[in-house]
N, C-alpha and C. Protein backbone atom coordinates (compact mmCIF):
# COMPACT_ATOMS: atom_id res chain seq x y z
N MET A 1 -31.59 -7.08 10.91
CA MET A 1 -32.49 -8.15 10.61
C MET A 1 -31.78 -9.46 10.88
N SER A 2 -32.35 -10.30 11.67
CA SER A 2 -31.72 -11.56 12.04
C SER A 2 -32.65 -12.70 11.68
N ALA A 3 -32.12 -13.62 10.90
CA ALA A 3 -32.92 -14.79 10.50
C ALA A 3 -32.57 -15.96 11.40
N ALA A 4 -33.57 -16.76 11.72
CA ALA A 4 -33.33 -17.96 12.51
C ALA A 4 -32.61 -18.98 11.65
N PRO A 5 -31.68 -19.73 12.23
CA PRO A 5 -30.98 -20.75 11.45
C PRO A 5 -31.96 -21.81 10.96
N SER A 6 -31.69 -22.34 9.80
CA SER A 6 -32.51 -23.41 9.25
C SER A 6 -32.38 -24.64 10.13
N PRO A 7 -33.49 -25.33 10.42
CA PRO A 7 -33.40 -26.52 11.27
C PRO A 7 -32.61 -27.65 10.63
N THR A 8 -32.39 -27.58 9.31
CA THR A 8 -31.63 -28.63 8.63
C THR A 8 -30.17 -28.25 8.42
N ALA A 9 -29.81 -26.99 8.72
CA ALA A 9 -28.43 -26.53 8.51
C ALA A 9 -27.50 -27.13 9.55
N SER A 10 -26.24 -27.28 9.17
CA SER A 10 -25.20 -27.77 10.07
C SER A 10 -24.12 -26.71 10.18
N PRO A 11 -24.35 -25.63 10.93
CA PRO A 11 -23.38 -24.54 10.97
C PRO A 11 -22.02 -24.95 11.52
N ALA A 12 -21.96 -26.01 12.32
CA ALA A 12 -20.68 -26.44 12.88
C ALA A 12 -19.73 -26.92 11.78
N LEU A 13 -20.27 -27.30 10.62
CA LEU A 13 -19.42 -27.77 9.53
C LEU A 13 -18.76 -26.63 8.77
N LEU A 14 -19.36 -25.45 8.79
CA LEU A 14 -18.78 -24.30 8.12
C LEU A 14 -17.76 -23.67 9.05
N LEU A 15 -16.50 -23.68 8.64
CA LEU A 15 -15.42 -23.21 9.50
C LEU A 15 -15.00 -21.77 9.23
N GLY A 16 -15.24 -21.28 8.06
CA GLY A 16 -14.83 -19.93 7.71
C GLY A 16 -14.62 -19.80 6.22
N ILE A 17 -13.97 -18.74 5.80
CA ILE A 17 -13.68 -18.49 4.39
C ILE A 17 -12.21 -18.80 4.15
N ASP A 18 -11.93 -19.64 3.17
CA ASP A 18 -10.55 -19.99 2.84
C ASP A 18 -9.87 -18.85 2.08
N HIS A 19 -10.56 -18.30 1.09
CA HIS A 19 -10.01 -17.19 0.33
C HIS A 19 -11.15 -16.45 -0.37
N VAL A 20 -10.85 -15.27 -0.86
CA VAL A 20 -11.77 -14.47 -1.65
C VAL A 20 -11.10 -14.26 -3.00
N ALA A 21 -11.86 -14.39 -4.09
CA ALA A 21 -11.33 -14.16 -5.43
C ALA A 21 -11.81 -12.81 -5.94
N ILE A 22 -10.88 -12.03 -6.47
CA ILE A 22 -11.24 -10.74 -7.06
C ILE A 22 -10.65 -10.65 -8.46
N THR A 23 -11.34 -9.92 -9.31
CA THR A 23 -10.88 -9.68 -10.68
C THR A 23 -10.09 -8.38 -10.68
N VAL A 24 -8.93 -8.40 -11.32
CA VAL A 24 -8.05 -7.23 -11.35
C VAL A 24 -7.76 -6.83 -12.79
N ALA A 25 -7.56 -5.53 -13.00
CA ALA A 25 -7.23 -5.03 -14.33
C ALA A 25 -5.79 -5.37 -14.71
N ASP A 26 -4.89 -5.35 -13.72
CA ASP A 26 -3.48 -5.65 -13.97
C ASP A 26 -2.93 -6.47 -12.81
N MET A 27 -2.58 -7.69 -13.07
CA MET A 27 -2.13 -8.63 -12.05
C MET A 27 -0.94 -8.09 -11.25
N ASP A 28 0.08 -7.61 -11.94
CA ASP A 28 1.29 -7.16 -11.25
C ASP A 28 1.04 -5.93 -10.39
N THR A 29 0.23 -5.00 -10.87
CA THR A 29 -0.11 -3.80 -10.10
C THR A 29 -0.85 -4.18 -8.82
N ALA A 30 -1.86 -5.04 -8.96
CA ALA A 30 -2.65 -5.47 -7.80
C ALA A 30 -1.78 -6.22 -6.80
N CYS A 31 -0.98 -7.14 -7.28
CA CYS A 31 -0.13 -7.93 -6.39
C CYS A 31 0.88 -7.03 -5.66
N ALA A 32 1.44 -6.06 -6.36
CA ALA A 32 2.40 -5.13 -5.75
C ALA A 32 1.73 -4.29 -4.66
N PHE A 33 0.50 -3.86 -4.88
CA PHE A 33 -0.23 -3.07 -3.89
C PHE A 33 -0.43 -3.88 -2.61
N TYR A 34 -0.95 -5.10 -2.73
CA TYR A 34 -1.20 -5.92 -1.55
C TYR A 34 0.11 -6.33 -0.86
N ASP A 35 1.16 -6.54 -1.64
CA ASP A 35 2.45 -6.89 -1.06
C ASP A 35 3.02 -5.71 -0.27
N ARG A 36 2.90 -4.52 -0.81
CA ARG A 36 3.40 -3.32 -0.14
C ARG A 36 2.71 -3.10 1.20
N LEU A 37 1.39 -3.34 1.25
CA LEU A 37 0.64 -3.11 2.49
C LEU A 37 0.74 -4.24 3.50
N PHE A 38 0.66 -5.48 3.03
CA PHE A 38 0.50 -6.59 3.96
C PHE A 38 1.54 -7.70 3.82
N GLY A 39 2.37 -7.63 2.81
CA GLY A 39 3.27 -8.74 2.53
C GLY A 39 2.49 -9.85 1.85
N VAL A 40 3.00 -10.34 0.76
CA VAL A 40 2.31 -11.37 -0.03
C VAL A 40 3.21 -12.57 -0.22
N LYS A 41 2.64 -13.73 0.00
CA LYS A 41 3.30 -14.96 -0.38
C LYS A 41 2.48 -15.56 -1.52
N ILE A 42 3.13 -15.78 -2.66
CA ILE A 42 2.43 -16.39 -3.79
C ILE A 42 2.43 -17.90 -3.57
N VAL A 43 1.24 -18.47 -3.50
CA VAL A 43 1.11 -19.91 -3.24
C VAL A 43 0.72 -20.68 -4.50
N ARG A 44 0.24 -19.96 -5.51
CA ARG A 44 -0.15 -20.59 -6.76
C ARG A 44 -0.14 -19.53 -7.84
N ASP A 45 0.39 -19.88 -9.01
CA ASP A 45 0.39 -18.93 -10.12
C ASP A 45 0.09 -19.71 -11.40
N TYR A 46 -1.12 -19.56 -11.90
CA TYR A 46 -1.51 -20.19 -13.15
C TYR A 46 -1.12 -19.23 -14.26
N ALA A 47 -0.02 -19.57 -14.95
CA ALA A 47 0.54 -18.65 -15.95
C ALA A 47 0.90 -19.39 -17.24
N PRO A 48 -0.11 -19.79 -17.99
CA PRO A 48 0.20 -20.43 -19.27
C PRO A 48 0.88 -19.42 -20.20
N ASN A 49 1.85 -19.85 -20.92
CA ASN A 49 2.60 -18.99 -21.84
C ASN A 49 3.27 -17.82 -21.13
N GLY A 50 3.55 -17.97 -19.82
CA GLY A 50 4.27 -16.95 -19.09
C GLY A 50 3.46 -15.76 -18.61
N ARG A 51 2.17 -15.70 -18.92
CA ARG A 51 1.31 -14.60 -18.47
C ARG A 51 0.41 -15.10 -17.35
N SER A 52 0.47 -14.44 -16.20
CA SER A 52 -0.29 -14.86 -15.03
C SER A 52 -1.78 -14.57 -15.22
N PHE A 53 -2.60 -15.63 -15.17
CA PHE A 53 -4.05 -15.50 -15.29
C PHE A 53 -4.74 -15.55 -13.93
N VAL A 54 -4.24 -16.41 -13.05
CA VAL A 54 -4.80 -16.55 -11.71
C VAL A 54 -3.63 -16.71 -10.75
N ARG A 55 -3.61 -15.87 -9.71
CA ARG A 55 -2.52 -15.94 -8.74
C ARG A 55 -3.12 -16.06 -7.35
N GLY A 56 -2.79 -17.16 -6.67
CA GLY A 56 -3.21 -17.35 -5.29
C GLY A 56 -2.17 -16.74 -4.37
N ILE A 57 -2.62 -15.86 -3.48
CA ILE A 57 -1.70 -15.20 -2.57
C ILE A 57 -2.19 -15.34 -1.14
N VAL A 58 -1.26 -15.21 -0.21
CA VAL A 58 -1.59 -15.14 1.20
C VAL A 58 -1.09 -13.80 1.70
N LEU A 59 -1.98 -13.03 2.32
CA LEU A 59 -1.66 -11.70 2.84
C LEU A 59 -1.37 -11.80 4.32
N GLY A 60 -0.31 -11.17 4.76
CA GLY A 60 -0.01 -11.12 6.18
C GLY A 60 0.17 -12.47 6.83
N GLY A 61 0.42 -13.48 6.07
CA GLY A 61 0.69 -14.80 6.63
C GLY A 61 -0.50 -15.70 6.84
N GLN A 62 -1.76 -15.17 6.69
CA GLN A 62 -2.89 -16.06 6.98
C GLN A 62 -4.17 -15.78 6.21
N THR A 63 -4.26 -14.72 5.43
CA THR A 63 -5.48 -14.40 4.71
C THR A 63 -5.32 -14.72 3.24
N GLY A 64 -6.16 -15.62 2.73
CA GLY A 64 -6.06 -16.06 1.35
C GLY A 64 -6.85 -15.18 0.39
N MET A 65 -6.25 -14.94 -0.77
CA MET A 65 -6.92 -14.18 -1.82
C MET A 65 -6.47 -14.76 -3.15
N SER A 66 -7.39 -14.79 -4.09
CA SER A 66 -7.07 -15.24 -5.44
C SER A 66 -7.29 -14.06 -6.37
N LEU A 67 -6.25 -13.66 -7.08
CA LEU A 67 -6.34 -12.57 -8.04
C LEU A 67 -6.56 -13.15 -9.42
N HIS A 68 -7.61 -12.72 -10.10
CA HIS A 68 -7.94 -13.19 -11.44
C HIS A 68 -7.74 -12.05 -12.42
N GLN A 69 -6.84 -12.23 -13.37
CA GLN A 69 -6.62 -11.22 -14.40
C GLN A 69 -7.89 -11.08 -15.23
N GLN A 70 -8.37 -9.85 -15.38
CA GLN A 70 -9.57 -9.61 -16.18
C GLN A 70 -9.38 -10.16 -17.59
N GLY A 71 -10.40 -10.83 -18.11
CA GLY A 71 -10.35 -11.36 -19.46
C GLY A 71 -9.42 -12.54 -19.64
N ASN A 72 -9.20 -13.30 -18.56
CA ASN A 72 -8.23 -14.40 -18.63
C ASN A 72 -8.76 -15.65 -19.32
N GLY A 73 -10.03 -15.72 -19.61
CA GLY A 73 -10.59 -16.87 -20.31
C GLY A 73 -10.90 -18.05 -19.41
N VAL A 74 -10.60 -17.95 -18.13
CA VAL A 74 -10.92 -19.01 -17.19
C VAL A 74 -12.44 -18.99 -16.97
N GLU A 75 -13.06 -20.16 -17.05
CA GLU A 75 -14.52 -20.24 -16.99
C GLU A 75 -15.10 -20.21 -15.58
N LEU A 76 -14.40 -20.74 -14.60
CA LEU A 76 -14.95 -20.85 -13.25
C LEU A 76 -14.69 -19.56 -12.48
N VAL A 77 -15.51 -18.54 -12.78
CA VAL A 77 -15.41 -17.22 -12.14
C VAL A 77 -16.82 -16.71 -11.86
N ALA A 78 -16.91 -15.56 -11.23
CA ALA A 78 -18.21 -14.93 -10.99
C ALA A 78 -18.91 -14.68 -12.32
N ARG A 79 -20.20 -14.51 -12.27
CA ARG A 79 -20.97 -14.29 -13.50
C ARG A 79 -20.52 -13.04 -14.25
N LYS A 80 -20.20 -11.97 -13.51
CA LYS A 80 -19.75 -10.72 -14.13
C LYS A 80 -18.45 -10.27 -13.48
N PRO A 81 -17.33 -10.93 -13.80
CA PRO A 81 -16.05 -10.57 -13.17
C PRO A 81 -15.61 -9.17 -13.60
N THR A 82 -15.57 -8.27 -12.63
CA THR A 82 -15.29 -6.87 -12.91
C THR A 82 -14.31 -6.31 -11.89
N PRO A 83 -13.21 -5.69 -12.33
CA PRO A 83 -12.33 -5.03 -11.37
C PRO A 83 -13.09 -3.94 -10.62
N GLY A 84 -12.85 -3.84 -9.34
CA GLY A 84 -13.45 -2.79 -8.53
C GLY A 84 -14.84 -3.09 -8.02
N ALA A 85 -15.28 -4.34 -8.10
CA ALA A 85 -16.66 -4.68 -7.72
C ALA A 85 -16.81 -5.30 -6.34
N VAL A 86 -15.73 -5.38 -5.57
CA VAL A 86 -15.85 -6.04 -4.27
C VAL A 86 -15.61 -5.09 -3.11
N ASP A 87 -16.07 -5.53 -1.96
CA ASP A 87 -15.93 -4.81 -0.69
C ASP A 87 -15.44 -5.87 0.30
N ILE A 88 -14.21 -5.72 0.78
CA ILE A 88 -13.62 -6.72 1.66
C ILE A 88 -13.23 -6.08 2.98
N CYS A 89 -13.59 -6.73 4.07
CA CYS A 89 -13.20 -6.28 5.40
C CYS A 89 -12.14 -7.23 5.94
N PHE A 90 -10.97 -6.69 6.25
CA PHE A 90 -9.88 -7.46 6.84
C PHE A 90 -9.83 -7.18 8.34
N THR A 91 -9.56 -8.20 9.12
CA THR A 91 -9.38 -8.03 10.55
C THR A 91 -7.97 -7.51 10.81
N TRP A 92 -7.86 -6.41 11.55
CA TRP A 92 -6.57 -5.81 11.88
C TRP A 92 -6.17 -6.26 13.27
N GLY A 93 -4.93 -6.67 13.46
CA GLY A 93 -4.47 -7.25 14.72
C GLY A 93 -3.96 -6.28 15.76
N GLY A 94 -4.21 -5.02 15.61
CA GLY A 94 -3.77 -4.03 16.58
C GLY A 94 -4.81 -2.93 16.71
N PRO A 95 -4.46 -1.84 17.38
CA PRO A 95 -5.41 -0.74 17.51
C PRO A 95 -5.64 -0.05 16.17
N ILE A 96 -6.80 0.56 16.02
CA ILE A 96 -7.13 1.21 14.76
C ILE A 96 -6.15 2.32 14.42
N GLU A 97 -5.57 2.96 15.44
CA GLU A 97 -4.58 4.02 15.20
C GLU A 97 -3.35 3.46 14.47
N ALA A 98 -3.01 2.20 14.76
CA ALA A 98 -1.88 1.57 14.06
C ALA A 98 -2.23 1.31 12.60
N ALA A 99 -3.48 0.97 12.32
CA ALA A 99 -3.92 0.77 10.94
C ALA A 99 -3.86 2.08 10.17
N VAL A 100 -4.32 3.16 10.81
CA VAL A 100 -4.27 4.49 10.19
C VAL A 100 -2.82 4.86 9.89
N ALA A 101 -1.94 4.66 10.84
CA ALA A 101 -0.52 4.97 10.65
C ALA A 101 0.09 4.11 9.54
N HIS A 102 -0.26 2.84 9.50
CA HIS A 102 0.26 1.92 8.49
C HIS A 102 -0.14 2.38 7.09
N LEU A 103 -1.41 2.70 6.92
CA LEU A 103 -1.87 3.17 5.61
C LEU A 103 -1.18 4.48 5.24
N GLY A 104 -1.04 5.39 6.20
CA GLY A 104 -0.37 6.66 5.95
C GLY A 104 1.07 6.49 5.52
N THR A 105 1.77 5.55 6.17
CA THR A 105 3.16 5.26 5.83
C THR A 105 3.30 4.83 4.37
N HIS A 106 2.27 4.16 3.87
CA HIS A 106 2.31 3.65 2.50
C HIS A 106 1.58 4.56 1.50
N GLY A 107 1.21 5.76 1.95
CA GLY A 107 0.59 6.73 1.06
C GLY A 107 -0.80 6.35 0.59
N VAL A 108 -1.50 5.56 1.38
CA VAL A 108 -2.85 5.13 1.02
C VAL A 108 -3.86 6.09 1.64
N GLU A 109 -4.72 6.64 0.81
CA GLU A 109 -5.73 7.59 1.27
C GLU A 109 -6.88 6.88 1.98
N ILE A 110 -7.17 7.31 3.17
CA ILE A 110 -8.33 6.79 3.91
C ILE A 110 -9.54 7.58 3.44
N ILE A 111 -10.59 6.86 3.01
CA ILE A 111 -11.77 7.56 2.51
C ILE A 111 -12.86 7.69 3.57
N GLU A 112 -12.75 6.90 4.65
CA GLU A 112 -13.63 7.07 5.80
C GLU A 112 -13.01 6.40 7.01
N GLY A 113 -13.26 7.00 8.18
CA GLY A 113 -12.83 6.41 9.42
C GLY A 113 -11.66 7.13 10.05
N PRO A 114 -11.34 6.65 11.23
CA PRO A 114 -11.93 5.53 11.94
C PRO A 114 -13.40 5.78 12.30
N SER A 115 -14.19 4.74 12.13
CA SER A 115 -15.62 4.77 12.40
C SER A 115 -16.01 3.58 13.25
N PRO A 116 -16.95 3.77 14.20
CA PRO A 116 -17.39 2.65 15.02
C PRO A 116 -18.15 1.63 14.18
N ARG A 117 -17.85 0.38 14.41
CA ARG A 117 -18.50 -0.73 13.71
C ARG A 117 -18.71 -1.87 14.69
N THR A 118 -19.32 -2.94 14.21
CA THR A 118 -19.51 -4.16 14.98
C THR A 118 -19.00 -5.32 14.15
N THR A 119 -18.22 -6.22 14.74
CA THR A 119 -17.70 -7.38 14.02
C THR A 119 -18.83 -8.35 13.70
N ALA A 120 -18.54 -9.32 12.86
CA ALA A 120 -19.51 -10.37 12.54
C ALA A 120 -19.93 -11.15 13.77
N ARG A 121 -19.09 -11.16 14.79
CA ARG A 121 -19.39 -11.88 16.04
C ARG A 121 -20.05 -10.97 17.08
N GLY A 122 -20.37 -9.73 16.68
CA GLY A 122 -21.07 -8.82 17.57
C GLY A 122 -20.20 -8.01 18.51
N LEU A 123 -18.88 -8.00 18.29
CA LEU A 123 -17.97 -7.24 19.15
C LEU A 123 -17.83 -5.80 18.65
N PRO A 124 -17.68 -4.84 19.57
CA PRO A 124 -17.45 -3.47 19.14
C PRO A 124 -16.09 -3.34 18.46
N ALA A 125 -16.05 -2.51 17.43
CA ALA A 125 -14.82 -2.36 16.65
C ALA A 125 -14.75 -0.96 16.05
N GLN A 126 -13.60 -0.68 15.44
CA GLN A 126 -13.38 0.55 14.68
C GLN A 126 -12.85 0.14 13.31
N SER A 127 -13.25 0.87 12.27
CA SER A 127 -12.80 0.56 10.92
C SER A 127 -12.31 1.79 10.18
N VAL A 128 -11.38 1.55 9.26
CA VAL A 128 -10.97 2.55 8.29
C VAL A 128 -11.16 1.94 6.90
N TYR A 129 -11.52 2.80 5.95
CA TYR A 129 -11.82 2.36 4.59
C TYR A 129 -10.89 3.03 3.60
N PHE A 130 -10.51 2.27 2.56
CA PHE A 130 -9.63 2.77 1.52
C PHE A 130 -9.87 1.93 0.27
N ARG A 131 -9.22 2.27 -0.82
CA ARG A 131 -9.41 1.54 -2.08
C ARG A 131 -8.08 0.99 -2.61
N ASP A 132 -8.19 -0.14 -3.32
CA ASP A 132 -7.02 -0.68 -3.99
C ASP A 132 -6.93 -0.05 -5.39
N PRO A 133 -5.90 -0.39 -6.19
CA PRO A 133 -5.75 0.24 -7.51
C PRO A 133 -6.94 0.03 -8.45
N ASP A 134 -7.73 -1.03 -8.25
CA ASP A 134 -8.90 -1.27 -9.09
C ASP A 134 -10.16 -0.60 -8.58
N GLY A 135 -10.09 0.04 -7.41
CA GLY A 135 -11.25 0.71 -6.85
C GLY A 135 -12.07 -0.15 -5.91
N ASN A 136 -11.59 -1.36 -5.60
CA ASN A 136 -12.29 -2.18 -4.61
C ASN A 136 -12.27 -1.47 -3.28
N LEU A 137 -13.38 -1.56 -2.53
CA LEU A 137 -13.46 -0.94 -1.22
C LEU A 137 -12.86 -1.92 -0.21
N LEU A 138 -11.84 -1.47 0.51
CA LEU A 138 -11.18 -2.29 1.51
C LEU A 138 -11.37 -1.67 2.88
N GLU A 139 -11.49 -2.52 3.87
CA GLU A 139 -11.72 -2.08 5.25
C GLU A 139 -10.76 -2.82 6.17
N LEU A 140 -10.13 -2.08 7.05
CA LEU A 140 -9.36 -2.68 8.14
C LEU A 140 -10.16 -2.47 9.40
N MET A 141 -10.51 -3.58 10.09
CA MET A 141 -11.35 -3.53 11.29
C MET A 141 -10.56 -4.00 12.48
N ALA A 142 -10.55 -3.19 13.53
CA ALA A 142 -9.87 -3.54 14.78
C ALA A 142 -10.90 -3.59 15.90
N THR A 143 -10.92 -4.69 16.63
CA THR A 143 -11.85 -4.77 17.76
C THR A 143 -11.39 -3.82 18.86
N ASP A 144 -12.36 -3.27 19.58
CA ASP A 144 -12.07 -2.34 20.67
C ASP A 144 -11.48 -3.07 21.86
């Protein structure tokens, strides 16, 4: 289903997504998982009283993610912040076979794929799906 752009919209002003925020059951477990798979640079850590409530990370050098500790008391969050409630597709910079091998090296179970997909820009691609420690559905997508 394809909708026509609104005549008042200015799509040229929207450049992309800066980061995605997810709620996690355990900050250190989640951060360790993403670091093990992609390498993590912590760019921000809101940790009053020494306990991390919100941690801004960069995965693989260019993908932003904000990890929110469940029950952190921060008000500016999704209406129902729940661990395991998101589905994120990451762009993989090599062939899908390399993604499969990478996940296997780290003991991550692939739950589907490689499967043919289409990128947001309409390019043919292949994807593999797996879950993080909170049960979020993660996808690595490689263009053909």
